[in-house]
Amino acid sequence: MIKSLIRLVALVVVGVLVYNYFLGDPGEKETASKIFQEVKDVGSSVADLLRSEKEKLDSGKYDAALDKIGGLFSSIRTNKDELSGDYDGELTNLEKEREALEERLRELENSGADENSPEVRNLKDDLDSFMTRTKRMIEAIQSK
């Protein structure tokens, strides 16, 4: 219902803009022209952003982040005496997840997946979740 209403509103707005652009008075034509230019600018900005993220993915931005976290986990393991059993198990789980994320990242890089593909979006979501859980664990360890 809401989806249909949003589509209807968008269609009406586009219809009014097109009408004003071609058949409106000079003021309406100018306003419609400005709006079309702004939409074009936003579209090109979004395209630039996607290209930038694709380049970062290709250049290994996420690989470096996962490698740094792997080093952090190794450092925490070295000071294992300070960890309680709860953190030790959580650290093991996070290490396994990091390895799985690295594997998925390599597979996506090798397949040449598009930045907008569901697989890449899912990987980014999983990376965000992984980073959040890692941060929480580190903060908990530091607070002790």
N, C-alpha and C. Protein backbone atom coordinates (compact mmCIF):
# COMPACT_ATOMS: atom_id res chain seq x y z
N MET A 1 0.82 -1.18 0.00
CA MET A 1 0.00 0.00 0.00
C MET A 1 0.86 1.25 0.00
N ILE A 2 1.79 1.34 0.96
CA ILE A 2 2.66 2.51 1.06
C ILE A 2 3.58 2.58 -0.15
N LYS A 3 4.04 1.43 -0.59
CA LYS A 3 4.91 1.38 -1.77
C LYS A 3 4.18 1.93 -2.99
N SER A 4 2.94 1.57 -3.15
CA SER A 4 2.14 2.06 -4.28
C SER A 4 1.92 3.56 -4.17
N LEU A 5 1.69 4.04 -2.96
CA LEU A 5 1.48 5.47 -2.74
C LEU A 5 2.75 6.26 -3.07
N ILE A 6 3.89 5.75 -2.68
CA ILE A 6 5.15 6.42 -2.98
C ILE A 6 5.39 6.45 -4.49
N ARG A 7 5.11 5.36 -5.16
CA ARG A 7 5.26 5.32 -6.62
C ARG A 7 4.33 6.33 -7.29
N LEU A 8 3.11 6.41 -6.80
CA LEU A 8 2.14 7.36 -7.37
C LEU A 8 2.62 8.79 -7.19
N VAL A 9 3.09 9.12 -6.00
CA VAL A 9 3.59 10.47 -5.74
C VAL A 9 4.79 10.77 -6.64
N ALA A 10 5.70 9.82 -6.76
CA ALA A 10 6.87 10.02 -7.63
C ALA A 10 6.44 10.23 -9.08
N LEU A 11 5.47 9.46 -9.54
CA LEU A 11 4.99 9.60 -10.90
C LEU A 11 4.35 10.97 -11.12
N VAL A 12 3.58 11.44 -10.16
CA VAL A 12 2.95 12.76 -10.27
C VAL A 12 4.02 13.86 -10.31
N VAL A 13 5.03 13.74 -9.44
CA VAL A 13 6.09 14.74 -9.41
C VAL A 13 6.84 14.77 -10.75
N VAL A 14 7.19 13.61 -11.26
CA VAL A 14 7.89 13.55 -12.55
C VAL A 14 6.99 14.10 -13.65
N GLY A 15 5.71 13.77 -13.62
CA GLY A 15 4.77 14.29 -14.62
C GLY A 15 4.68 15.80 -14.60
N VAL A 16 4.60 16.37 -13.42
CA VAL A 16 4.53 17.83 -13.29
C VAL A 16 5.82 18.47 -13.80
N LEU A 17 6.95 17.88 -13.44
CA LEU A 17 8.24 18.42 -13.90
C LEU A 17 8.37 18.38 -15.41
N VAL A 18 8.00 17.26 -16.01
CA VAL A 18 8.07 17.15 -17.47
C VAL A 18 7.11 18.14 -18.13
N TYR A 19 5.91 18.26 -17.60
CA TYR A 19 4.93 19.21 -18.14
C TYR A 19 5.50 20.64 -18.06
N ASN A 20 6.01 21.01 -16.88
CA ASN A 20 6.56 22.36 -16.71
C ASN A 20 7.77 22.60 -17.60
N TYR A 21 8.59 21.59 -17.81
CA TYR A 21 9.79 21.73 -18.62
C TYR A 21 9.43 22.03 -20.07
N PHE A 22 8.41 21.37 -20.59
CA PHE A 22 8.06 21.54 -21.99
C PHE A 22 6.94 22.56 -22.22
N LEU A 23 5.95 22.60 -21.36
CA LEU A 23 4.77 23.41 -21.62
C LEU A 23 4.54 24.54 -20.61
N GLY A 24 5.40 24.66 -19.63
CA GLY A 24 5.20 25.67 -18.60
C GLY A 24 5.66 27.05 -19.05
N ASP A 25 5.37 28.04 -18.23
CA ASP A 25 5.83 29.40 -18.54
C ASP A 25 7.35 29.45 -18.28
N PRO A 26 8.03 30.52 -18.65
CA PRO A 26 9.49 30.57 -18.51
C PRO A 26 9.99 30.30 -17.08
N GLY A 27 9.28 30.78 -16.07
CA GLY A 27 9.69 30.53 -14.69
C GLY A 27 9.60 29.05 -14.34
N GLU A 28 8.52 28.41 -14.77
CA GLU A 28 8.35 26.98 -14.49
C GLU A 28 9.38 26.15 -15.26
N LYS A 29 9.68 26.58 -16.48
CA LYS A 29 10.70 25.87 -17.26
C LYS A 29 12.06 25.96 -16.58
N GLU A 30 12.37 27.15 -16.06
CA GLU A 30 13.66 27.35 -15.39
C GLU A 30 13.75 26.48 -14.13
N THR A 31 12.67 26.46 -13.35
CA THR A 31 12.64 25.65 -12.13
C THR A 31 12.79 24.17 -12.46
N ALA A 32 12.06 23.69 -13.45
CA ALA A 32 12.15 22.29 -13.84
C ALA A 32 13.55 21.96 -14.34
N SER A 33 14.14 22.88 -15.08
CA SER A 33 15.49 22.67 -15.59
C SER A 33 16.49 22.56 -14.44
N LYS A 34 16.36 23.42 -13.42
CA LYS A 34 17.24 23.36 -12.25
C LYS A 34 17.08 22.02 -11.53
N ILE A 35 15.86 21.58 -11.38
CA ILE A 35 15.61 20.30 -10.69
C ILE A 35 16.22 19.14 -11.46
N PHE A 36 16.05 19.13 -12.79
CA PHE A 36 16.64 18.06 -13.61
C PHE A 36 18.16 18.08 -13.48
N GLN A 37 18.77 19.28 -13.44
CA GLN A 37 20.22 19.39 -13.30
C GLN A 37 20.67 18.85 -11.94
N GLU A 38 19.92 19.17 -10.88
CA GLU A 38 20.27 18.68 -9.55
C GLU A 38 20.15 17.16 -9.47
N VAL A 39 19.12 16.61 -10.08
CA VAL A 39 18.97 15.15 -10.10
C VAL A 39 20.13 14.52 -10.86
N LYS A 40 20.53 15.15 -11.95
CA LYS A 40 21.67 14.65 -12.73
C LYS A 40 22.94 14.69 -11.89
N ASP A 41 23.14 15.79 -11.14
CA ASP A 41 24.33 15.92 -10.29
C ASP A 41 24.34 14.85 -9.20
N VAL A 42 23.19 14.60 -8.58
CA VAL A 42 23.10 13.57 -7.54
C VAL A 42 23.40 12.20 -8.15
N GLY A 43 22.85 11.94 -9.32
CA GLY A 43 23.10 10.66 -9.98
C GLY A 43 24.57 10.45 -10.28
N SER A 44 25.25 11.50 -10.75
CA SER A 44 26.68 11.36 -11.04
C SER A 44 27.48 11.21 -9.75
N SER A 45 27.06 11.87 -8.68
CA SER A 45 27.74 11.72 -7.39
C SER A 45 27.61 10.30 -6.86
N VAL A 46 26.43 9.73 -6.98
CA VAL A 46 26.22 8.35 -6.54
C VAL A 46 27.06 7.40 -7.38
N ALA A 47 27.11 7.63 -8.68
CA ALA A 47 27.93 6.79 -9.56
C ALA A 47 29.40 6.89 -9.17
N ASP A 48 29.88 8.11 -8.86
CA ASP A 48 31.27 8.28 -8.44
C ASP A 48 31.55 7.55 -7.13
N LEU A 49 30.60 7.63 -6.20
CA LEU A 49 30.75 6.94 -4.93
C LEU A 49 30.86 5.43 -5.14
N LEU A 50 29.99 4.88 -5.98
CA LEU A 50 30.02 3.44 -6.24
C LEU A 50 31.32 3.02 -6.90
N ARG A 51 31.80 3.85 -7.86
CA ARG A 51 33.07 3.56 -8.51
C ARG A 51 34.21 3.58 -7.50
N SER A 52 34.19 4.54 -6.60
CA SER A 52 35.22 4.66 -5.58
C SER A 52 35.24 3.44 -4.67
N GLU A 53 34.05 3.01 -4.22
CA GLU A 53 33.97 1.83 -3.36
C GLU A 53 34.43 0.58 -4.09
N LYS A 54 34.11 0.48 -5.37
CA LYS A 54 34.54 -0.67 -6.17
C LYS A 54 36.06 -0.69 -6.25
N GLU A 55 36.66 0.49 -6.47
CA GLU A 55 38.12 0.57 -6.54
C GLU A 55 38.75 0.19 -5.21
N LYS A 56 38.13 0.62 -4.10
CA LYS A 56 38.65 0.27 -2.79
C LYS A 56 38.57 -1.23 -2.56
N LEU A 57 37.47 -1.82 -2.99
CA LEU A 57 37.32 -3.27 -2.85
C LEU A 57 38.38 -3.98 -3.67
N ASP A 58 38.58 -3.49 -4.91
CA ASP A 58 39.58 -4.10 -5.79
C ASP A 58 41.00 -3.92 -5.25
N SER A 59 41.26 -2.76 -4.63
CA SER A 59 42.62 -2.49 -4.16
C SER A 59 42.92 -3.16 -2.82
N GLY A 60 41.96 -3.82 -2.25
CA GLY A 60 42.21 -4.59 -1.04
C GLY A 60 41.95 -3.84 0.25
N LYS A 61 41.14 -2.82 0.22
CA LYS A 61 40.81 -2.05 1.44
C LYS A 61 40.32 -2.98 2.53
N TYR A 62 39.44 -3.87 2.21
CA TYR A 62 38.86 -4.75 3.21
C TYR A 62 39.84 -5.83 3.62
N ASP A 63 40.72 -6.25 2.70
CA ASP A 63 41.75 -7.22 3.05
C ASP A 63 42.65 -6.66 4.15
N ALA A 64 43.04 -5.39 4.00
CA ALA A 64 43.93 -4.77 4.97
C ALA A 64 43.26 -4.70 6.34
N ALA A 65 41.99 -4.35 6.36
CA ALA A 65 41.27 -4.26 7.64
C ALA A 65 41.22 -5.63 8.32
N LEU A 66 40.92 -6.66 7.55
CA LEU A 66 40.85 -8.01 8.12
C LEU A 66 42.23 -8.47 8.58
N ASP A 67 43.29 -8.10 7.85
CA ASP A 67 44.64 -8.46 8.27
C ASP A 67 45.01 -7.79 9.59
N LYS A 68 44.63 -6.52 9.73
CA LYS A 68 44.92 -5.81 10.98
C LYS A 68 44.18 -6.45 12.15
N ILE A 69 42.96 -6.85 11.93
CA ILE A 69 42.20 -7.50 13.00
C ILE A 69 42.84 -8.84 13.35
N GLY A 70 43.34 -9.55 12.33
CA GLY A 70 44.04 -10.80 12.59
C GLY A 70 45.25 -10.57 13.48
N GLY A 71 46.00 -9.49 13.21
CA GLY A 71 47.14 -9.14 14.06
C GLY A 71 46.71 -8.80 15.47
N LEU A 72 45.61 -8.10 15.59
CA LEU A 72 45.07 -7.75 16.90
C LEU A 72 44.71 -9.01 17.68
N PHE A 73 44.06 -9.95 17.01
CA PHE A 73 43.69 -11.20 17.67
C PHE A 73 44.93 -11.96 18.13
N SER A 74 45.98 -11.95 17.32
CA SER A 74 47.23 -12.61 17.71
C SER A 74 47.82 -11.96 18.95
N SER A 75 47.76 -10.64 18.99
CA SER A 75 48.27 -9.91 20.15
C SER A 75 47.47 -10.26 21.40
N ILE A 76 46.18 -10.34 21.25
CA ILE A 76 45.33 -10.69 22.40
C ILE A 76 45.65 -12.12 22.85
N ARG A 77 45.86 -13.03 21.90
CA ARG A 77 46.18 -14.42 22.24
C ARG A 77 47.50 -14.50 23.01
N THR A 78 48.46 -13.63 22.66
CA THR A 78 49.75 -13.64 23.34
C THR A 78 49.58 -13.29 24.81
N ASN A 79 48.64 -12.42 25.09
CA ASN A 79 48.36 -12.03 26.48
C ASN A 79 47.18 -12.82 27.03
N LYS A 80 47.13 -14.08 26.69
CA LYS A 80 46.00 -14.94 27.01
C LYS A 80 45.74 -15.06 28.51
N ASP A 81 46.76 -14.85 29.31
CA ASP A 81 46.60 -14.97 30.76
C ASP A 81 45.55 -14.00 31.28
N GLU A 82 45.39 -12.88 30.60
CA GLU A 82 44.45 -11.86 31.05
C GLU A 82 43.01 -12.18 30.64
N LEU A 83 42.84 -13.16 29.77
CA LEU A 83 41.50 -13.47 29.27
C LEU A 83 40.80 -14.49 30.17
N SER A 84 39.55 -14.24 30.38
CA SER A 84 38.76 -15.26 31.07
C SER A 84 38.30 -16.26 30.02
N GLY A 85 37.70 -17.34 30.45
CA GLY A 85 37.23 -18.37 29.53
C GLY A 85 36.21 -17.84 28.53
N ASP A 86 35.36 -16.88 28.96
CA ASP A 86 34.35 -16.32 28.07
C ASP A 86 34.98 -15.63 26.88
N TYR A 87 35.99 -14.82 27.13
CA TYR A 87 36.63 -14.07 26.06
C TYR A 87 37.44 -14.99 25.15
N ASP A 88 38.01 -16.03 25.73
CA ASP A 88 38.79 -16.97 24.93
C ASP A 88 37.90 -17.64 23.88
N GLY A 89 36.72 -18.06 24.29
CA GLY A 89 35.79 -18.69 23.35
C GLY A 89 35.29 -17.71 22.31
N GLU A 90 35.00 -16.50 22.76
CA GLU A 90 34.53 -15.47 21.83
C GLU A 90 35.62 -15.10 20.83
N LEU A 91 36.86 -15.03 21.30
CA LEU A 91 37.98 -14.73 20.41
C LEU A 91 38.16 -15.83 19.36
N THR A 92 38.01 -17.07 19.78
CA THR A 92 38.11 -18.19 18.83
C THR A 92 37.01 -18.09 17.76
N ASN A 93 35.80 -17.78 18.19
CA ASN A 93 34.70 -17.63 17.23
C ASN A 93 34.96 -16.48 16.26
N LEU A 94 35.45 -15.36 16.79
CA LEU A 94 35.73 -14.21 15.92
C LEU A 94 36.86 -14.51 14.94
N GLU A 95 37.86 -15.26 15.37
CA GLU A 95 38.95 -15.63 14.46
C GLU A 95 38.43 -16.51 13.32
N LYS A 96 37.56 -17.44 13.64
CA LYS A 96 36.98 -18.31 12.61
C LYS A 96 36.15 -17.48 11.63
N GLU A 97 35.39 -16.54 12.19
CA GLU A 97 34.56 -15.69 11.33
C GLU A 97 35.43 -14.80 10.44
N ARG A 98 36.53 -14.29 10.98
CA ARG A 98 37.44 -13.46 10.18
C ARG A 98 38.00 -14.26 9.00
N GLU A 99 38.38 -15.50 9.25
CA GLU A 99 38.90 -16.35 8.19
C GLU A 99 37.83 -16.60 7.12
N ALA A 100 36.60 -16.83 7.56
CA ALA A 100 35.50 -17.06 6.62
C ALA A 100 35.23 -15.79 5.79
N LEU A 101 35.29 -14.63 6.43
CA LEU A 101 35.08 -13.37 5.71
C LEU A 101 36.20 -13.13 4.70
N GLU A 102 37.43 -13.44 5.07
CA GLU A 102 38.55 -13.30 4.14
C GLU A 102 38.34 -14.20 2.92
N GLU A 103 37.89 -15.41 3.16
CA GLU A 103 37.65 -16.35 2.05
C GLU A 103 36.56 -15.82 1.13
N ARG A 104 35.46 -15.34 1.72
CA ARG A 104 34.38 -14.77 0.91
C ARG A 104 34.87 -13.57 0.10
N LEU A 105 35.70 -12.74 0.73
CA LEU A 105 36.23 -11.56 0.05
C LEU A 105 37.10 -11.97 -1.13
N ARG A 106 37.95 -12.96 -0.94
CA ARG A 106 38.79 -13.45 -2.05
C ARG A 106 37.93 -14.00 -3.19
N GLU A 107 36.89 -14.75 -2.84
CA GLU A 107 36.01 -15.31 -3.86
C GLU A 107 35.32 -14.20 -4.66
N LEU A 108 34.85 -13.17 -3.97
CA LEU A 108 34.18 -12.06 -4.66
C LEU A 108 35.16 -11.29 -5.54
N GLU A 109 36.38 -11.09 -5.05
CA GLU A 109 37.38 -10.39 -5.86
C GLU A 109 37.71 -11.19 -7.12
N ASN A 110 37.82 -12.50 -6.96
CA ASN A 110 38.14 -13.36 -8.11
C ASN A 110 37.00 -13.44 -9.11
N SER A 111 35.77 -13.34 -8.61
CA SER A 111 34.62 -13.45 -9.51
C SER A 111 34.32 -12.13 -10.21
N GLY A 112 34.94 -11.03 -9.73
CA GLY A 112 34.68 -9.72 -10.33
C GLY A 112 33.27 -9.24 -10.07
N ALA A 113 32.74 -9.55 -8.89
CA ALA A 113 31.36 -9.18 -8.55
C ALA A 113 31.19 -7.66 -8.58
N ASP A 114 30.03 -7.25 -9.01
CA ASP A 114 29.67 -5.83 -9.08
C ASP A 114 29.44 -5.29 -7.67
N GLU A 115 29.79 -4.02 -7.46
CA GLU A 115 29.63 -3.37 -6.15
C GLU A 115 28.18 -3.41 -5.67
N ASN A 116 27.22 -3.43 -6.59
CA ASN A 116 25.81 -3.43 -6.22
C ASN A 116 25.22 -4.82 -6.07
N SER A 117 26.04 -5.83 -6.28
CA SER A 117 25.50 -7.18 -6.20
C SER A 117 25.11 -7.52 -4.77
N PRO A 118 24.12 -8.37 -4.62
CA PRO A 118 23.68 -8.76 -3.27
C PRO A 118 24.81 -9.41 -2.46
N GLU A 119 25.70 -10.14 -3.13
CA GLU A 119 26.80 -10.80 -2.42
C GLU A 119 27.73 -9.77 -1.78
N VAL A 120 28.05 -8.70 -2.51
CA VAL A 120 28.94 -7.66 -1.98
C VAL A 120 28.26 -6.92 -0.84
N ARG A 121 26.98 -6.60 -1.01
CA ARG A 121 26.25 -5.91 0.07
C ARG A 121 26.18 -6.78 1.32
N ASN A 122 25.93 -8.08 1.14
CA ASN A 122 25.87 -9.00 2.28
C ASN A 122 27.23 -9.07 2.98
N LEU A 123 28.31 -9.11 2.18
CA LEU A 123 29.65 -9.16 2.77
C LEU A 123 29.91 -7.90 3.57
N LYS A 124 29.53 -6.74 3.05
CA LYS A 124 29.74 -5.49 3.79
C LYS A 124 28.94 -5.49 5.09
N ASP A 125 27.71 -5.96 5.04
CA ASP A 125 26.90 -6.04 6.25
C ASP A 125 27.54 -6.98 7.28
N ASP A 126 28.03 -8.12 6.79
CA ASP A 126 28.68 -9.08 7.68
C ASP A 126 29.97 -8.49 8.27
N LEU A 127 30.71 -7.74 7.45
CA LEU A 127 31.93 -7.09 7.94
C LEU A 127 31.60 -6.07 9.02
N ASP A 128 30.55 -5.29 8.80
CA ASP A 128 30.13 -4.31 9.81
C ASP A 128 29.76 -5.00 11.12
N SER A 129 29.00 -6.06 11.02
CA SER A 129 28.59 -6.81 12.21
C SER A 129 29.81 -7.39 12.93
N PHE A 130 30.72 -7.94 12.15
CA PHE A 130 31.95 -8.52 12.70
C PHE A 130 32.78 -7.45 13.42
N MET A 131 32.91 -6.28 12.80
CA MET A 131 33.69 -5.20 13.40
C MET A 131 33.04 -4.72 14.71
N THR A 132 31.73 -4.65 14.73
CA THR A 132 31.01 -4.21 15.92
C THR A 132 31.24 -5.19 17.07
N ARG A 133 31.12 -6.49 16.79
CA ARG A 133 31.32 -7.49 17.83
C ARG A 133 32.77 -7.50 18.32
N THR A 134 33.70 -7.32 17.40
CA THR A 134 35.11 -7.26 17.77
C THR A 134 35.38 -6.06 18.67
N LYS A 135 34.82 -4.93 18.30
CA LYS A 135 35.00 -3.72 19.10
C LYS A 135 34.43 -3.91 20.51
N ARG A 136 33.24 -4.50 20.60
CA ARG A 136 32.63 -4.73 21.91
C ARG A 136 33.51 -5.64 22.78
N MET A 137 34.06 -6.68 22.16
CA MET A 137 34.90 -7.60 22.93
C MET A 137 36.15 -6.88 23.42
N ILE A 138 36.77 -6.11 22.56
CA ILE A 138 37.99 -5.40 22.96
C ILE A 138 37.70 -4.40 24.07
N GLU A 139 36.59 -3.69 23.96
CA GLU A 139 36.21 -2.73 25.01
C GLU A 139 35.97 -3.45 26.32
N ALA A 140 35.35 -4.62 26.26
CA ALA A 140 35.10 -5.39 27.48
C ALA A 140 36.41 -5.86 28.10
N ILE A 141 37.35 -6.29 27.27
CA ILE A 141 38.65 -6.73 27.79
C ILE A 141 39.38 -5.56 28.42
N GLN A 142 39.34 -4.41 27.78
CA GLN A 142 40.05 -3.23 28.29
C GLN A 142 39.44 -2.72 29.59
N SER A 143 38.15 -2.91 29.75
CA SER A 143 37.49 -2.41 30.96
C SER A 143 37.82 -3.25 32.19
N LYS A 144 38.35 -4.43 32.00
CA LYS A 144 38.68 -5.32 33.14
C LYS A 144 40.04 -5.00 33.70
